[in-house]
Amino acid sequence: MRTHTHVGRWGEDLAAVVLQQHGFSIIQRNWRPEPVEGMETFKGEIDIVALDAEMNLVFVEVKTRTTDSFGHPFEAITADKAKRLKFLAYSWCTHKETTDFLSMRIDAVAITGTPENFTFEHLQAVA
């Protein structure tokens, strides 16, 4: 892994595969809101949008680190980040024709390590 961009991309790819193995259907990855003239646009990105096996719409924030030297990946999800994720999730819903779903939530995935040796944690309803 050379840069944080490569690490992040690897983590998002891994998260998508593991989520699919656990019954999630990936709807979209790396969604950013389009700017709308005359309106303030929130900056940010939704890493993964998916439907889980129970037909819940799930917005997944993926945090990947090669080590825990700078803290656990979940520590990067601050109150401000959680607020931004909520706004982005609602924004996604207003910009997309969504499929039928029972509820929606924001999950977080933490990956620490390398492709050869890593830990994978998935927390539901973090924000």
C-alpha atoms as a PDB file:
ATOM      1  CA  MET A   1       0.000   0.000   0.000  1.00  0.00           C
ATOM      2  CA  ARG A   2       1.567   3.233  -1.112  1.00  0.00           C
ATOM      3  CA  THR A   3      -0.775   6.058  -0.197  1.00  0.00           C
ATOM      4  CA  HIS A   4      -3.824   6.679   1.938  1.00  0.00           C
ATOM      5  CA  THR A   5      -5.867   6.742  -1.306  1.00  0.00           C
ATOM      6  CA  HIS A   6      -4.753   3.192  -2.139  1.00  0.00           C
ATOM      7  CA  VAL A   7      -5.470   2.055   1.412  1.00  0.00           C
ATOM      8  CA  GLY A   8      -8.914   3.660   1.347  1.00  0.00           C
ATOM      9  CA  ARG A   9      -9.811   2.137  -2.017  1.00  0.00           C
ATOM     10  CA  TRP A  10      -8.657  -1.307  -0.860  1.00  0.00           C
ATOM     11  CA  GLY A  11     -10.754  -0.967   2.306  1.00  0.00           C
ATOM     12  CA  GLU A  12     -13.874   0.081   0.411  1.00  0.00           C
ATOM     13  CA  ASP A  13     -13.434  -2.787  -2.074  1.00  0.00           C
ATOM     14  CA  LEU A  14     -12.988  -5.260   0.791  1.00  0.00           C
ATOM     15  CA  ALA A  15     -16.003  -3.866   2.659  1.00  0.00           C
ATOM     16  CA  ALA A  16     -18.196  -4.240  -0.437  1.00  0.00           C
ATOM     17  CA  VAL A  17     -17.146  -7.874  -0.881  1.00  0.00           C
ATOM     18  CA  VAL A  18     -17.672  -8.794   2.787  1.00  0.00           C
ATOM     19  CA  LEU A  19     -21.034  -7.025   2.927  1.00  0.00           C
ATOM     20  CA  GLN A  20     -22.183  -8.887  -0.196  1.00  0.00           C
ATOM     21  CA  GLN A  21     -21.076 -12.163   1.405  1.00  0.00           C
ATOM     22  CA  HIS A  22     -23.377 -11.258   4.310  1.00  0.00           C
ATOM     23  CA  GLY A  23     -26.437 -10.690   2.153  1.00  0.00           C
ATOM     24  CA  PHE A  24     -26.098  -7.011   1.255  1.00  0.00           C
ATOM     25  CA  SER A  25     -26.866  -5.824  -2.270  1.00  0.00           C
ATOM     26  CA  ILE A  26     -24.639  -2.921  -3.259  1.00  0.00           C
ATOM     27  CA  ILE A  27     -26.642  -0.132  -4.913  1.00  0.00           C
ATOM     28  CA  GLN A  28     -23.938   2.509  -5.310  1.00  0.00           C
ATOM     29  CA  ARG A  29     -20.406   3.348  -4.271  1.00  0.00           C
ATOM     30  CA  ASN A  30     -18.613   6.651  -3.749  1.00  0.00           C
ATOM     31  CA  TRP A  31     -21.664   8.884  -4.175  1.00  0.00           C
ATOM     32  CA  ARG A  32     -21.201  12.646  -3.936  1.00  0.00           C
ATOM     33  CA  PRO A  33     -24.037  15.172  -4.141  1.00  0.00           C
ATOM     34  CA  GLU A  34     -24.265  17.256  -7.290  1.00  0.00           C
ATOM     35  CA  PRO A  35     -24.015  20.999  -6.731  1.00  0.00           C
ATOM     36  CA  VAL A  36     -27.362  22.766  -7.012  1.00  0.00           C
ATOM     37  CA  GLU A  37     -27.309  26.403  -8.068  1.00  0.00           C
ATOM     38  CA  GLY A  38     -28.516  28.704  -5.330  1.00  0.00           C
ATOM     39  CA  MET A  39     -28.258  26.054  -2.614  1.00  0.00           C
ATOM     40  CA  GLU A  40     -25.483  25.226  -0.208  1.00  0.00           C
ATOM     41  CA  THR A  41     -24.033  21.849  -1.080  1.00  0.00           C
ATOM     42  CA  PHE A  42     -22.702  19.674   1.702  1.00  0.00           C
ATOM     43  CA  LYS A  43     -19.276  18.286   0.903  1.00  0.00           C
ATOM     44  CA  GLY A  44     -18.626  14.616   1.403  1.00  0.00           C
ATOM     45  CA  GLU A  45     -19.130  11.174   0.047  1.00  0.00           C
ATOM     46  CA  ILE A  46     -21.125   8.092   0.877  1.00  0.00           C
ATOM     47  CA  ASP A  47     -18.749   5.148   0.545  1.00  0.00           C
ATOM     48  CA  ILE A  48     -21.379   2.443   0.043  1.00  0.00           C
ATOM     49  CA  VAL A  49     -25.159   2.458  -0.353  1.00  0.00           C
ATOM     50  CA  ALA A  50     -26.720  -0.982   0.004  1.00  0.00           C
ATOM     51  CA  LEU A  51     -29.805  -2.979   0.881  1.00  0.00           C
ATOM     52  CA  ASP A  52     -29.299  -5.527   3.645  1.00  0.00           C
ATOM     53  CA  ALA A  53     -30.933  -8.953   3.702  1.00  0.00           C
ATOM     54  CA  GLU A  54     -33.955  -7.539   5.599  1.00  0.00           C
ATOM     55  CA  MET A  55     -34.510  -4.822   2.936  1.00  0.00           C
ATOM     56  CA  ASN A  56     -33.128  -1.953   5.026  1.00  0.00           C
ATOM     57  CA  LEU A  57     -31.401   0.843   3.121  1.00  0.00           C
ATOM     58  CA  VAL A  58     -27.896   1.097   4.583  1.00  0.00           C
ATOM     59  CA  PHE A  59     -25.364   3.882   4.119  1.00  0.00           C
ATOM     60  CA  VAL A  60     -21.915   2.569   5.010  1.00  0.00           C
ATOM     61  CA  GLU A  61     -18.937   4.673   6.089  1.00  0.00           C
ATOM     62  CA  VAL A  62     -15.688   2.719   5.622  1.00  0.00           C
ATOM     63  CA  LYS A  63     -12.600   3.650   7.612  1.00  0.00           C
ATOM     64  CA  THR A  64      -9.350   1.844   6.822  1.00  0.00           C
ATOM     65  CA  ARG A  65      -5.976   2.031   8.561  1.00  0.00           C
ATOM     66  CA  THR A  66      -2.837  -0.038   8.077  1.00  0.00           C
ATOM     67  CA  THR A  67      -2.099   0.178  11.819  1.00  0.00           C
ATOM     68  CA  ASP A  68      -3.797   1.545  14.900  1.00  0.00           C
ATOM     69  CA  SER A  69      -0.913   3.981  15.532  1.00  0.00           C
ATOM     70  CA  PHE A  70      -3.256   6.912  14.948  1.00  0.00           C
ATOM     71  CA  GLY A  71      -6.159   5.344  16.836  1.00  0.00           C
ATOM     72  CA  HIS A  72      -8.939   2.967  15.938  1.00  0.00           C
ATOM     73  CA  PRO A  73     -10.615   3.690  12.576  1.00  0.00           C
ATOM     74  CA  PHE A  74     -13.975   4.279  14.282  1.00  0.00           C
ATOM     75  CA  GLU A  75     -12.418   7.198  16.192  1.00  0.00           C
ATOM     76  CA  ALA A  76     -12.413   9.123  12.891  1.00  0.00           C
ATOM     77  CA  ILE A  77     -16.230   9.222  12.958  1.00  0.00           C
ATOM     78  CA  THR A  78     -16.723  12.332  15.033  1.00  0.00           C
ATOM     79  CA  ALA A  79     -20.019  14.027  15.875  1.00  0.00           C
ATOM     80  CA  ASP A  80     -19.479  16.398  12.930  1.00  0.00           C
ATOM     81  CA  LYS A  81     -18.780  13.456  10.608  1.00  0.00           C
ATOM     82  CA  ALA A  82     -21.942  11.682  11.839  1.00  0.00           C
ATOM     83  CA  LYS A  83     -23.998  14.828  11.175  1.00  0.00           C
ATOM     84  CA  ARG A  84     -22.540  15.067   7.659  1.00  0.00           C
ATOM     85  CA  LEU A  85     -23.293  11.381   7.009  1.00  0.00           C
ATOM     86  CA  LYS A  86     -26.935  11.906   8.015  1.00  0.00           C
ATOM     87  CA  PHE A  87     -27.258  14.876   5.693  1.00  0.00           C
ATOM     88  CA  LEU A  88     -25.626  12.959   2.832  1.00  0.00           C
ATOM     89  CA  ALA A  89     -27.927   9.962   3.383  1.00  0.00           C
ATOM     90  CA  TYR A  90     -31.042  12.128   3.213  1.00  0.00           C
ATOM     91  CA  SER A  91     -29.598  13.974   0.238  1.00  0.00           C
ATOM     92  CA  TRP A  92     -29.001  10.659  -1.551  1.00  0.00           C
ATOM     93  CA  CYS A  93     -32.640   9.729  -0.981  1.00  0.00           C
ATOM     94  CA  THR A  94     -33.873  12.982  -2.488  1.00  0.00           C
ATOM     95  CA  HIS A  95     -31.655  12.610  -5.567  1.00  0.00           C
ATOM     96  CA  LYS A  96     -32.304   8.946  -6.302  1.00  0.00           C
ATOM     97  CA  GLU A  97     -35.324   6.876  -7.086  1.00  0.00           C
ATOM     98  CA  THR A  98     -35.011   4.429  -4.253  1.00  0.00           C
ATOM     99  CA  THR A  99     -36.168   0.876  -4.257  1.00  0.00           C
ATOM    100  CA  ASP A 100     -38.598  -0.314  -1.636  1.00  0.00           C
ATOM    101  CA  PHE A 101     -37.016  -0.520   1.796  1.00  0.00           C
ATOM    102  CA  LEU A 102     -38.298  -0.951   5.326  1.00  0.00           C
ATOM    103  CA  SER A 103     -36.032   1.523   7.085  1.00  0.00           C
ATOM    104  CA  MET A 104     -32.699   3.215   6.691  1.00  0.00           C
ATOM    105  CA  ARG A 105     -29.598   3.460   8.820  1.00  0.00           C
ATOM    106  CA  ILE A 106     -25.951   4.466   8.769  1.00  0.00           C
ATOM    107  CA  ASP A 107     -23.386   1.763   9.493  1.00  0.00           C
ATOM    108  CA  ALA A 108     -19.625   1.930   9.887  1.00  0.00           C
ATOM    109  CA  VAL A 109     -16.962  -0.540   8.847  1.00  0.00           C
ATOM    110  CA  ALA A 110     -13.448  -0.449  10.312  1.00  0.00           C
ATOM    111  CA  ILE A 111     -10.593  -2.287   8.629  1.00  0.00           C
ATOM    112  CA  THR A 112      -7.133  -2.373  10.141  1.00  0.00           C
ATOM    113  CA  GLY A 113      -4.163  -4.090   8.538  1.00  0.00           C
ATOM    114  CA  THR A 114      -3.052  -5.160   5.097  1.00  0.00           C
ATOM    115  CA  PRO A 115      -4.546  -7.427   2.426  1.00  0.00           C
ATOM    116  CA  GLU A 116      -2.540 -10.297   3.918  1.00  0.00           C
ATOM    117  CA  ASN A 117      -3.604  -9.760   7.538  1.00  0.00           C
ATOM    118  CA  PHE A 118      -6.483  -7.530   8.615  1.00  0.00           C
ATOM    119  CA  THR A 119      -9.348  -7.130  11.066  1.00  0.00           C
ATOM    120  CA  PHE A 120     -12.862  -6.267   9.891  1.00  0.00           C
ATOM    121  CA  GLU A 121     -15.486  -4.726  12.172  1.00  0.00           C
ATOM    122  CA  HIS A 122     -19.033  -3.741  11.227  1.00  0.00           C
ATOM    123  CA  LEU A 123     -21.195  -1.592  13.511  1.00  0.00           C
ATOM    124  CA  GLN A 124     -24.847  -0.964  12.688  1.00  0.00           C
ATOM    125  CA  ALA A 125     -26.738   2.291  13.224  1.00  0.00           C
ATOM    126  CA  VAL A 126     -23.798   4.455  14.273  1.00  0.00           C
ATOM    127  CA  ALA A 127     -25.342   7.799  13.371  1.00  0.00           C
END
